[in-house]
Amino acid sequence: MLARCTVLLASKLVSGDFPLGSPALPQAELAPGGNPVRALLELLISLWRLDFSTPPPLRLLFTEHNLTTVFRAGDTQWGHFLFLTGELLEKGLLGQEEVAAHWKGLSELPWPTKCMEKFEGVSVGCLLPILAQVNHKDALQNAE
């Protein structure tokens, strides 16, 4: 139950449905100039790496409703989604095959026109390199 709730919380954070108006994390958790949403997502990822009796249902991040909300919200939320997905891949919580399968299933759904443009601009083949690039940029920023 806890795993499911934390995945749903991550979905809300990524989509902007649960905005953080002020840093909700202790300063020790935030890097200088850090992003509170990404810091909280990193904490959730750390939690998911614990040994739950059942794996966290990360497939919930790839629901039509969640991605529609992310697409409609804007570039910041899209960046948070890419960051989260990239971190899950890097930490071994998601496999590339899983991401590809979720993305393929989503590509077959009827999307609103606004979302369709963004969705069509991202294929699985280009999604994985984008995720790697986003995480590489974040690593460089954190090193500075």
C-alpha atoms as a PDB file:
ATOM      1  CA  MET A   1       0.000   0.000   0.000  1.00  0.00           C
ATOM      2  CA  LEU A   2       2.822   2.407   0.871  1.00  0.00           C
ATOM      3  CA  ALA A   3       4.583   1.675  -2.406  1.00  0.00           C
ATOM      4  CA  ARG A   4       1.424   2.425  -4.410  1.00  0.00           C
ATOM      5  CA  CYS A   5       0.775   5.664  -2.530  1.00  0.00           C
ATOM      6  CA  THR A   6       4.323   6.895  -3.086  1.00  0.00           C
ATOM      7  CA  VAL A   7       4.097   6.142  -6.826  1.00  0.00           C
ATOM      8  CA  LEU A   8       0.854   8.109  -6.963  1.00  0.00           C
ATOM      9  CA  LEU A   9       2.548  10.948  -5.062  1.00  0.00           C
ATOM     10  CA  ALA A  10       5.375  10.945  -7.611  1.00  0.00           C
ATOM     11  CA  SER A  11       2.782  11.110 -10.409  1.00  0.00           C
ATOM     12  CA  LYS A  12       1.181  14.144  -8.773  1.00  0.00           C
ATOM     13  CA  LEU A  13       4.556  15.845  -8.280  1.00  0.00           C
ATOM     14  CA  VAL A  14       5.666  15.202 -11.860  1.00  0.00           C
ATOM     15  CA  SER A  15       2.395  16.406 -13.358  1.00  0.00           C
ATOM     16  CA  GLY A  16       2.302  19.578 -11.290  1.00  0.00           C
ATOM     17  CA  ASP A  17      -0.961  18.562  -9.582  1.00  0.00           C
ATOM     18  CA  PHE A  18       0.825  18.805  -6.248  1.00  0.00           C
ATOM     19  CA  PRO A  19       3.126  21.805  -6.619  1.00  0.00           C
ATOM     20  CA  LEU A  20       5.698  22.600  -3.985  1.00  0.00           C
ATOM     21  CA  GLY A  21       5.378  26.319  -3.320  1.00  0.00           C
ATOM     22  CA  SER A  22       8.314  26.440  -0.966  1.00  0.00           C
ATOM     23  CA  PRO A  23      11.017  23.918  -0.315  1.00  0.00           C
ATOM     24  CA  ALA A  24       9.333  21.179   1.687  1.00  0.00           C
ATOM     25  CA  LEU A  25      12.623  19.463   2.364  1.00  0.00           C
ATOM     26  CA  PRO A  26      15.305  20.327   4.870  1.00  0.00           C
ATOM     27  CA  GLN A  27      18.125  22.361   3.375  1.00  0.00           C
ATOM     28  CA  ALA A  28      20.433  19.389   3.909  1.00  0.00           C
ATOM     29  CA  GLU A  29      18.377  17.467   1.321  1.00  0.00           C
ATOM     30  CA  LEU A  30      18.619  20.199  -1.313  1.00  0.00           C
ATOM     31  CA  ALA A  31      21.735  20.950  -3.276  1.00  0.00           C
ATOM     32  CA  PRO A  32      22.452  24.687  -3.597  1.00  0.00           C
ATOM     33  CA  GLY A  33      19.943  25.999  -6.120  1.00  0.00           C
ATOM     34  CA  GLY A  34      18.320  22.554  -6.087  1.00  0.00           C
ATOM     35  CA  ASN A  35      14.868  21.759  -7.295  1.00  0.00           C
ATOM     36  CA  PRO A  36      12.551  20.654  -4.458  1.00  0.00           C
ATOM     37  CA  VAL A  37      10.441  18.457  -6.785  1.00  0.00           C
ATOM     38  CA  ARG A  38      13.479  16.576  -8.029  1.00  0.00           C
ATOM     39  CA  ALA A  39      14.867  16.278  -4.502  1.00  0.00           C
ATOM     40  CA  LEU A  40      11.592  14.744  -3.317  1.00  0.00           C
ATOM     41  CA  LEU A  41      11.528  12.429  -6.342  1.00  0.00           C
ATOM     42  CA  GLU A  42      15.042  11.276  -5.430  1.00  0.00           C
ATOM     43  CA  LEU A  43      13.845  10.505  -1.895  1.00  0.00           C
ATOM     44  CA  LEU A  44      10.942   8.482  -3.293  1.00  0.00           C
ATOM     45  CA  ILE A  45      13.316   6.554  -5.550  1.00  0.00           C
ATOM     46  CA  SER A  46      15.469   5.766  -2.512  1.00  0.00           C
ATOM     47  CA  LEU A  47      12.368   4.483  -0.757  1.00  0.00           C
ATOM     48  CA  TRP A  48      11.417   2.306  -3.745  1.00  0.00           C
ATOM     49  CA  ARG A  49      14.850   0.705  -3.693  1.00  0.00           C
ATOM     50  CA  LEU A  50      14.017  -0.751  -0.268  1.00  0.00           C
ATOM     51  CA  ASP A  51      12.813  -4.312  -0.107  1.00  0.00           C
ATOM     52  CA  PHE A  52       9.013  -4.023  -0.202  1.00  0.00           C
ATOM     53  CA  SER A  53       6.994  -7.238  -0.044  1.00  0.00           C
ATOM     54  CA  THR A  54       5.771  -6.320  -3.537  1.00  0.00           C
ATOM     55  CA  PRO A  55       7.542  -4.103  -6.060  1.00  0.00           C
ATOM     56  CA  PRO A  56       6.244  -0.548  -6.396  1.00  0.00           C
ATOM     57  CA  PRO A  57       3.689  -0.290  -9.231  1.00  0.00           C
ATOM     58  CA  LEU A  58       5.794   2.049 -11.380  1.00  0.00           C
ATOM     59  CA  ARG A  59       3.519   1.307 -14.343  1.00  0.00           C
ATOM     60  CA  LEU A  60       1.185   3.921 -12.795  1.00  0.00           C
ATOM     61  CA  LEU A  61       3.619   6.599 -13.975  1.00  0.00           C
ATOM     62  CA  PHE A  62       2.811   5.631 -17.573  1.00  0.00           C
ATOM     63  CA  THR A  63      -0.963   5.813 -17.443  1.00  0.00           C
ATOM     64  CA  GLU A  64      -2.837   7.770 -20.070  1.00  0.00           C
ATOM     65  CA  HIS A  65      -4.206  10.109 -17.397  1.00  0.00           C
ATOM     66  CA  ASN A  66      -0.782  10.844 -15.896  1.00  0.00           C
ATOM     67  CA  LEU A  67       0.922  11.526 -19.233  1.00  0.00           C
ATOM     68  CA  THR A  68      -1.986  13.634 -20.480  1.00  0.00           C
ATOM     69  CA  THR A  69      -1.612  15.777 -17.363  1.00  0.00           C
ATOM     70  CA  VAL A  70       2.165  16.034 -17.841  1.00  0.00           C
ATOM     71  CA  PHE A  71       1.825  16.928 -21.546  1.00  0.00           C
ATOM     72  CA  ARG A  72      -0.770  19.599 -20.835  1.00  0.00           C
ATOM     73  CA  ALA A  73       1.152  21.089 -17.916  1.00  0.00           C
ATOM     74  CA  GLY A  74       4.258  22.166 -19.767  1.00  0.00           C
ATOM     75  CA  ASP A  75       7.964  21.748 -20.265  1.00  0.00           C
ATOM     76  CA  THR A  76       8.868  21.817 -16.573  1.00  0.00           C
ATOM     77  CA  GLN A  77       6.616  18.863 -15.828  1.00  0.00           C
ATOM     78  CA  TRP A  78       7.859  17.043 -18.927  1.00  0.00           C
ATOM     79  CA  GLY A  79      11.397  17.588 -17.634  1.00  0.00           C
ATOM     80  CA  HIS A  80      10.403  16.154 -14.240  1.00  0.00           C
ATOM     81  CA  PHE A  81       8.887  13.111 -15.965  1.00  0.00           C
ATOM     82  CA  LEU A  82      12.044  12.550 -18.011  1.00  0.00           C
ATOM     83  CA  PHE A  83      14.189  12.998 -14.898  1.00  0.00           C
ATOM     84  CA  LEU A  84      12.129  10.479 -12.913  1.00  0.00           C
ATOM     85  CA  THR A  85      12.044   7.915 -15.713  1.00  0.00           C
ATOM     86  CA  GLY A  86      15.769   8.310 -16.316  1.00  0.00           C
ATOM     87  CA  GLU A  87      16.575   7.859 -12.634  1.00  0.00           C
ATOM     88  CA  LEU A  88      14.381   4.748 -12.467  1.00  0.00           C
ATOM     89  CA  LEU A  89      16.258   3.312 -15.442  1.00  0.00           C
ATOM     90  CA  GLU A  90      19.649   4.234 -13.986  1.00  0.00           C
ATOM     91  CA  LYS A  91      18.838   2.717 -10.577  1.00  0.00           C
ATOM     92  CA  GLY A  92      17.522  -0.483 -12.166  1.00  0.00           C
ATOM     93  CA  LEU A  93      13.955  -0.019 -10.948  1.00  0.00           C
ATOM     94  CA  LEU A  94      12.713   0.067 -14.553  1.00  0.00           C
ATOM     95  CA  GLY A  95      14.148  -1.682 -17.565  1.00  0.00           C
ATOM     96  CA  GLN A  96      14.391  -0.223 -21.053  1.00  0.00           C
ATOM     97  CA  GLU A  97      12.063  -2.969 -22.258  1.00  0.00           C
ATOM     98  CA  GLU A  98       9.437  -1.910 -19.708  1.00  0.00           C
ATOM     99  CA  VAL A  99       9.636   1.727 -20.780  1.00  0.00           C
ATOM    100  CA  ALA A 100       9.404   0.702 -24.423  1.00  0.00           C
ATOM    101  CA  ALA A 101       6.386  -1.537 -23.719  1.00  0.00           C
ATOM    102  CA  HIS A 102       4.568   1.194 -21.770  1.00  0.00           C
ATOM    103  CA  TRP A 103       5.326   3.766 -24.462  1.00  0.00           C
ATOM    104  CA  LYS A 104       4.183   1.452 -27.260  1.00  0.00           C
ATOM    105  CA  GLY A 105       0.903   0.773 -25.461  1.00  0.00           C
ATOM    106  CA  LEU A 106       0.341   4.474 -24.924  1.00  0.00           C
ATOM    107  CA  SER A 107       1.078   5.285 -28.575  1.00  0.00           C
ATOM    108  CA  GLU A 108      -1.955   3.223 -29.566  1.00  0.00           C
ATOM    109  CA  LEU A 109      -4.385   5.306 -27.492  1.00  0.00           C
ATOM    110  CA  PRO A 110      -6.428   8.221 -28.855  1.00  0.00           C
ATOM    111  CA  TRP A 111      -4.809  11.411 -27.535  1.00  0.00           C
ATOM    112  CA  PRO A 112      -6.199  14.951 -27.420  1.00  0.00           C
ATOM    113  CA  THR A 113      -4.746  17.077 -30.216  1.00  0.00           C
ATOM    114  CA  LYS A 114      -2.483  19.092 -27.870  1.00  0.00           C
ATOM    115  CA  CYS A 115      -1.032  15.950 -26.340  1.00  0.00           C
ATOM    116  CA  MET A 116      -0.774  14.116 -29.660  1.00  0.00           C
ATOM    117  CA  GLU A 117       1.711  16.658 -31.001  1.00  0.00           C
ATOM    118  CA  LYS A 118       4.008  16.205 -28.032  1.00  0.00           C
ATOM    119  CA  PHE A 119       3.514  12.445 -27.909  1.00  0.00           C
ATOM    120  CA  GLU A 120       4.241  11.995 -31.618  1.00  0.00           C
ATOM    121  CA  GLY A 121       7.420  14.016 -31.176  1.00  0.00           C
ATOM    122  CA  VAL A 122       8.765  11.357 -28.829  1.00  0.00           C
ATOM    123  CA  SER A 123       9.270   7.806 -29.962  1.00  0.00           C
ATOM    124  CA  VAL A 124      10.744   5.111 -27.767  1.00  0.00           C
ATOM    125  CA  GLY A 125      13.878   5.196 -29.873  1.00  0.00           C
ATOM    126  CA  CYS A 126      14.415   8.853 -29.086  1.00  0.00           C
ATOM    127  CA  LEU A 127      13.002   8.712 -25.538  1.00  0.00           C
ATOM    128  CA  LEU A 128      15.839   6.625 -24.109  1.00  0.00           C
ATOM    129  CA  PRO A 129      18.630   8.919 -25.412  1.00  0.00           C
ATOM    130  CA  ILE A 130      16.695  11.950 -24.116  1.00  0.00           C
ATOM    131  CA  LEU A 131      16.515  10.334 -20.692  1.00  0.00           C
ATOM    132  CA  ALA A 132      20.252   9.661 -20.746  1.00  0.00           C
ATOM    133  CA  GLN A 133      20.945  13.268 -21.764  1.00  0.00           C
ATOM    134  CA  VAL A 134      18.672  14.711 -19.045  1.00  0.00           C
ATOM    135  CA  ASN A 135      20.407  12.641 -16.369  1.00  0.00           C
ATOM    136  CA  HIS A 136      23.850  13.567 -17.736  1.00  0.00           C
ATOM    137  CA  LYS A 137      22.985  17.286 -17.545  1.00  0.00           C
ATOM    138  CA  ASP A 138      21.737  16.841 -13.976  1.00  0.00           C
ATOM    139  CA  ALA A 139      24.947  15.050 -13.008  1.00  0.00           C
ATOM    140  CA  LEU A 140      27.018  17.916 -14.434  1.00  0.00           C
ATOM    141  CA  GLN A 141      24.911  20.514 -12.598  1.00  0.00           C
ATOM    142  CA  ASN A 142      25.234  18.621  -9.316  1.00  0.00           C
ATOM    143  CA  ALA A 143      29.017  18.380  -9.779  1.00  0.00           C
ATOM    144  CA  GLU A 144      29.341  22.163 -10.082  1.00  0.00           C
END
